[in-house]
N, C-alpha and C. Protein backbone atom coordinates (compact mmCIF):
# COMPACT_ATOMS: atom_id res chain seq x y z
N MET A 1 100.92 97.50 106.92
CA MET A 1 99.80 98.40 106.85
C MET A 1 98.53 97.56 106.94
N THR A 2 97.56 97.98 107.74
CA THR A 2 96.31 97.25 107.84
C THR A 2 95.15 98.21 107.69
N GLY A 3 93.98 97.62 107.49
CA GLY A 3 92.77 98.44 107.38
C GLY A 3 92.38 98.71 105.95
N CYS A 4 91.17 99.17 105.77
CA CYS A 4 90.68 99.49 104.45
C CYS A 4 91.12 100.90 104.11
N GLY A 5 91.21 101.17 102.85
CA GLY A 5 91.59 102.52 102.47
C GLY A 5 91.71 102.64 100.98
N THR A 6 92.08 103.81 100.55
CA THR A 6 92.27 104.04 99.14
C THR A 6 93.71 103.72 98.80
N SER A 7 93.89 103.08 97.67
CA SER A 7 95.23 102.71 97.25
C SER A 7 95.51 103.29 95.88
N ARG A 8 96.67 103.85 95.70
CA ARG A 8 97.09 104.33 94.39
C ARG A 8 97.97 103.26 93.77
N LEU A 9 97.75 102.98 92.50
CA LEU A 9 98.59 102.03 91.80
C LEU A 9 99.96 102.65 91.59
N THR A 10 100.98 101.83 91.75
CA THR A 10 102.34 102.29 91.54
C THR A 10 103.01 101.38 90.54
N ALA A 11 104.24 101.68 90.21
CA ALA A 11 104.98 100.85 89.25
C ALA A 11 105.09 99.43 89.79
N PRO A 12 105.00 98.43 88.91
CA PRO A 12 105.11 97.05 89.35
C PRO A 12 106.50 96.74 89.90
N PRO A 13 106.58 95.76 90.80
CA PRO A 13 107.89 95.40 91.32
C PRO A 13 108.74 94.75 90.24
N SER A 14 110.03 94.76 90.34
CA SER A 14 110.90 94.15 89.34
C SER A 14 110.93 92.66 89.42
N GLY A 15 110.52 91.79 89.95
CA GLY A 15 110.66 90.36 89.92
C GLY A 15 109.69 89.65 89.03
N PHE A 16 108.67 90.31 88.50
CA PHE A 16 107.70 89.61 87.65
C PHE A 16 108.00 89.86 86.19
N ARG A 17 107.78 88.83 85.38
CA ARG A 17 107.94 89.02 83.93
C ARG A 17 106.70 89.73 83.40
N SER A 18 106.81 90.28 82.22
CA SER A 18 105.69 90.99 81.57
C SER A 18 105.05 92.02 82.49
N ALA A 19 105.87 92.77 83.18
CA ALA A 19 105.36 93.71 84.17
C ALA A 19 104.36 94.70 83.58
N MET A 20 104.50 95.08 82.34
CA MET A 20 103.60 96.06 81.76
C MET A 20 102.54 95.43 80.85
N HIS A 21 102.41 94.13 80.87
CA HIS A 21 101.42 93.45 80.04
C HIS A 21 100.01 93.72 80.57
N ASN A 22 99.06 93.80 79.68
CA ASN A 22 97.66 93.97 80.07
C ASN A 22 96.94 92.64 79.96
N TYR A 23 96.40 92.17 81.06
CA TYR A 23 95.70 90.90 81.11
C TYR A 23 94.20 91.15 81.15
N SER A 24 93.44 90.25 80.54
CA SER A 24 91.98 90.35 80.58
C SER A 24 91.48 89.79 81.91
N VAL A 25 90.25 90.14 82.24
CA VAL A 25 89.63 89.61 83.47
C VAL A 25 89.58 88.08 83.39
N GLY A 26 89.24 87.55 82.22
CA GLY A 26 89.18 86.09 82.04
C GLY A 26 90.53 85.42 82.26
N GLN A 27 91.61 86.02 81.75
CA GLN A 27 92.95 85.46 81.96
C GLN A 27 93.29 85.43 83.45
N VAL A 28 92.93 86.50 84.16
CA VAL A 28 93.21 86.58 85.59
C VAL A 28 92.41 85.53 86.34
N GLU A 29 91.12 85.41 86.03
CA GLU A 29 90.28 84.41 86.70
C GLU A 29 90.82 83.01 86.47
N THR A 30 91.24 82.71 85.24
CA THR A 30 91.76 81.38 84.91
C THR A 30 93.07 81.10 85.63
N ALA A 31 93.98 82.08 85.66
CA ALA A 31 95.27 81.88 86.33
C ALA A 31 95.09 81.62 87.83
N PHE A 32 94.19 82.36 88.46
CA PHE A 32 93.96 82.17 89.89
C PHE A 32 93.24 80.86 90.16
N ALA A 33 92.28 80.49 89.31
CA ALA A 33 91.55 79.23 89.48
C ALA A 33 92.50 78.03 89.40
N ALA A 34 93.52 78.12 88.56
CA ALA A 34 94.50 77.04 88.42
C ALA A 34 95.26 76.78 89.72
N HIS A 35 95.22 77.75 90.63
CA HIS A 35 95.91 77.61 91.91
C HIS A 35 94.94 77.60 93.09
N GLY A 36 93.67 77.23 92.80
CA GLY A 36 92.68 77.04 93.84
C GLY A 36 92.01 78.29 94.36
N ILE A 37 92.15 79.41 93.66
CA ILE A 37 91.53 80.65 94.09
C ILE A 37 90.43 81.01 93.09
N GLN A 38 89.18 80.80 93.50
CA GLN A 38 88.03 81.11 92.64
C GLN A 38 87.63 82.56 92.87
N LEU A 39 87.86 83.40 91.88
CA LEU A 39 87.55 84.83 92.00
C LEU A 39 86.15 85.12 91.49
N HIS A 40 85.47 86.05 92.13
CA HIS A 40 84.13 86.48 91.73
C HIS A 40 84.09 88.00 91.71
N LYS A 41 83.36 88.56 90.76
CA LYS A 41 83.24 90.02 90.69
C LYS A 41 82.53 90.54 91.92
N VAL A 42 83.01 91.69 92.40
CA VAL A 42 82.42 92.33 93.57
C VAL A 42 82.03 93.76 93.24
N ALA A 43 81.69 94.53 94.25
CA ALA A 43 81.17 95.88 94.11
C ALA A 43 81.84 96.69 93.00
N LYS A 44 81.01 97.53 92.38
CA LYS A 44 81.49 98.41 91.32
C LYS A 44 82.55 99.37 91.83
N GLN A 45 83.51 99.62 91.00
CA GLN A 45 84.57 100.57 91.29
C GLN A 45 84.62 101.57 90.15
N PRO A 46 85.58 102.46 90.16
CA PRO A 46 85.67 103.44 89.08
C PRO A 46 85.71 102.80 87.71
N PHE A 47 85.34 103.56 86.73
CA PHE A 47 85.33 103.15 85.34
C PHE A 47 86.64 102.46 84.97
N HIS A 48 86.58 101.36 84.29
CA HIS A 48 87.72 100.61 83.77
C HIS A 48 88.52 99.86 84.83
N VAL A 49 87.92 99.54 85.96
CA VAL A 49 88.55 98.67 86.95
C VAL A 49 87.53 97.59 87.30
N THR A 50 87.94 96.32 87.19
CA THR A 50 87.08 95.21 87.59
C THR A 50 87.66 94.61 88.85
N ASN A 51 86.84 94.54 89.90
CA ASN A 51 87.27 94.00 91.19
C ASN A 51 86.80 92.56 91.33
N LEU A 52 87.71 91.72 91.79
CA LEU A 52 87.42 90.31 92.00
C LEU A 52 87.83 89.95 93.42
N MET A 53 87.09 89.03 94.04
CA MET A 53 87.41 88.63 95.41
C MET A 53 87.18 87.13 95.55
N SER A 54 87.93 86.54 96.48
CA SER A 54 87.79 85.13 96.80
C SER A 54 87.95 84.94 98.29
N GLY A 55 87.25 83.96 98.82
CA GLY A 55 87.45 83.55 100.20
C GLY A 55 86.84 84.45 101.24
N THR A 56 87.03 84.04 102.49
CA THR A 56 86.56 84.80 103.65
C THR A 56 87.65 84.79 104.70
N GLY A 57 87.53 85.68 105.65
CA GLY A 57 88.50 85.73 106.75
C GLY A 57 89.92 85.88 106.24
N ALA A 58 90.82 85.10 106.83
CA ALA A 58 92.23 85.19 106.47
C ALA A 58 92.53 84.66 105.08
N ASP A 59 91.59 83.93 104.48
CA ASP A 59 91.80 83.39 103.13
C ASP A 59 91.38 84.35 102.03
N ARG A 60 90.94 85.56 102.39
CA ARG A 60 90.47 86.51 101.37
C ARG A 60 91.61 86.94 100.45
N VAL A 61 91.26 87.04 99.18
CA VAL A 61 92.16 87.57 98.15
C VAL A 61 91.35 88.58 97.36
N PHE A 62 91.90 89.75 97.16
CA PHE A 62 91.26 90.80 96.37
C PHE A 62 92.16 91.09 95.18
N VAL A 63 91.55 91.16 94.00
CA VAL A 63 92.29 91.44 92.77
C VAL A 63 91.57 92.53 92.00
N ALA A 64 92.30 93.55 91.61
CA ALA A 64 91.77 94.61 90.76
C ALA A 64 92.44 94.50 89.40
N VAL A 65 91.63 94.48 88.34
CA VAL A 65 92.15 94.41 86.98
C VAL A 65 91.78 95.70 86.27
N GLU A 66 92.78 96.47 85.90
CA GLU A 66 92.53 97.70 85.14
C GLU A 66 92.24 97.29 83.70
N THR A 67 91.08 97.68 83.20
CA THR A 67 90.66 97.27 81.86
C THR A 67 90.68 98.43 80.87
N GLY A 68 91.23 99.53 81.25
CA GLY A 68 91.33 100.71 80.40
C GLY A 68 92.00 101.81 81.19
N VAL A 69 91.93 103.01 80.67
CA VAL A 69 92.54 104.15 81.34
C VAL A 69 91.77 104.43 82.63
N THR A 70 92.49 104.49 83.75
CA THR A 70 91.85 104.71 85.05
C THR A 70 92.48 105.91 85.74
N THR A 71 91.87 106.29 86.84
CA THR A 71 92.45 107.35 87.66
C THR A 71 93.57 106.80 88.52
N GLY A 72 93.67 105.47 88.60
CA GLY A 72 94.70 104.85 89.42
C GLY A 72 94.36 104.79 90.89
N ALA A 73 93.14 105.12 91.27
CA ALA A 73 92.75 105.08 92.69
C ALA A 73 91.44 104.32 92.82
N TYR A 74 91.39 103.44 93.80
CA TYR A 74 90.17 102.69 94.08
C TYR A 74 90.27 102.15 95.50
N LEU A 75 89.14 101.76 96.04
CA LEU A 75 89.11 101.24 97.41
C LEU A 75 89.44 99.76 97.42
N ILE A 76 90.20 99.34 98.42
CA ILE A 76 90.51 97.94 98.63
C ILE A 76 89.68 97.49 99.83
N PRO A 77 88.73 96.56 99.61
CA PRO A 77 87.77 96.22 100.67
C PRO A 77 88.25 95.22 101.71
N ILE A 78 89.53 94.89 101.76
CA ILE A 78 90.05 94.00 102.79
C ILE A 78 91.29 94.65 103.41
N PRO A 79 91.68 94.19 104.60
CA PRO A 79 92.91 94.73 105.18
C PRO A 79 94.09 94.46 104.26
N VAL A 80 94.98 95.41 104.13
CA VAL A 80 96.13 95.26 103.25
C VAL A 80 97.31 94.72 104.06
N LYS A 81 97.52 93.41 103.98
CA LYS A 81 98.68 92.82 104.64
C LYS A 81 99.80 92.64 103.61
N HIS A 82 99.43 92.12 102.43
CA HIS A 82 100.38 91.92 101.34
C HIS A 82 99.75 92.47 100.07
N LYS A 83 100.55 93.16 99.26
CA LYS A 83 100.02 93.76 98.04
C LYS A 83 101.12 93.75 96.98
N THR A 84 100.73 93.43 95.75
CA THR A 84 101.69 93.47 94.65
C THR A 84 100.97 93.83 93.36
N HIS A 85 101.75 94.22 92.37
CA HIS A 85 101.23 94.57 91.05
C HIS A 85 101.89 93.68 90.01
N HIS A 86 101.15 93.35 88.99
CA HIS A 86 101.67 92.56 87.88
C HIS A 86 100.96 93.05 86.63
N GLY A 87 101.64 93.87 85.84
CA GLY A 87 100.99 94.47 84.68
C GLY A 87 99.83 95.34 85.15
N ASN A 88 98.64 95.09 84.61
CA ASN A 88 97.45 95.85 84.97
C ASN A 88 96.67 95.21 86.12
N VAL A 89 97.31 94.30 86.85
CA VAL A 89 96.66 93.55 87.92
C VAL A 89 97.29 93.94 89.26
N THR A 90 96.43 94.25 90.24
CA THR A 90 96.87 94.47 91.62
C THR A 90 96.23 93.39 92.47
N ALA A 91 97.04 92.71 93.29
CA ALA A 91 96.53 91.66 94.17
C ALA A 91 96.84 92.02 95.62
N VAL A 92 95.86 91.79 96.49
CA VAL A 92 95.99 92.02 97.93
C VAL A 92 95.53 90.74 98.61
N TRP A 93 96.31 90.28 99.60
CA TRP A 93 95.94 89.06 100.30
C TRP A 93 96.43 89.11 101.73
N LEU A 94 95.89 88.18 102.52
CA LEU A 94 96.27 88.09 103.93
C LEU A 94 97.20 86.91 104.18
N SER A 95 96.83 85.71 103.69
CA SER A 95 97.63 84.54 104.06
C SER A 95 97.85 83.53 102.93
N ARG A 96 97.48 83.83 101.71
CA ARG A 96 97.61 82.85 100.63
C ARG A 96 98.70 83.27 99.64
N GLY A 97 99.81 83.75 100.16
CA GLY A 97 100.86 84.32 99.33
C GLY A 97 101.42 83.41 98.27
N SER A 98 101.68 82.15 98.58
CA SER A 98 102.27 81.27 97.57
C SER A 98 101.29 81.01 96.43
N ALA A 99 100.01 80.86 96.73
CA ALA A 99 99.02 80.66 95.66
C ALA A 99 98.84 81.92 94.83
N VAL A 100 98.86 83.09 95.47
CA VAL A 100 98.74 84.35 94.74
C VAL A 100 99.95 84.55 93.84
N SER A 101 101.15 84.32 94.36
CA SER A 101 102.37 84.47 93.56
C SER A 101 102.38 83.51 92.37
N ALA A 102 101.99 82.28 92.61
CA ALA A 102 101.93 81.29 91.52
C ALA A 102 100.91 81.70 90.48
N SER A 103 99.78 82.26 90.92
CA SER A 103 98.75 82.71 89.98
C SER A 103 99.28 83.85 89.12
N LEU A 104 99.93 84.83 89.73
CA LEU A 104 100.47 85.95 88.97
C LEU A 104 101.57 85.50 88.02
N ASN A 105 102.42 84.58 88.47
CA ASN A 105 103.47 84.07 87.60
C ASN A 105 102.90 83.22 86.46
N GLY A 106 101.68 82.69 86.66
CA GLY A 106 101.04 81.88 85.62
C GLY A 106 100.39 82.69 84.52
N LEU A 107 100.29 83.99 84.71
CA LEU A 107 99.72 84.85 83.66
C LEU A 107 100.68 84.90 82.49
N HIS A 108 100.14 84.78 81.28
CA HIS A 108 100.97 84.87 80.09
C HIS A 108 100.17 85.40 78.93
C-alpha cells in the first residue's frame, strides 16, 4: 500500500513482547535514538496522539505514540510501505526496517 491516508490502529502483531504496554514519548525517542533514528515532533494530530518523524526521502520514519484514549484514527504523512504496532506505538517506514525493528524491540 502506498500514499498518504488515514490509518486505523489495529491489534499489535504477535512477534513483539509487551504488545499492550504503554510507552512514553521519551521512551520511544530514546529507543529510536539508540539505533540512529532521531525523532522530532511534527504536526498536531488528534488529542492524545504525539507524532514523531525522522529523516527525508526513503529514510523517513514516522512514529505515532498514543498518550491516552484516542479515536484510533490519524493521518500518516508519509507513504505507507511498512507499518507495525508495538503497544501504544505505531511505526511506518520506507527503508530502515532493521533499525525500526531494533528500536521497537528495545522498548522496555
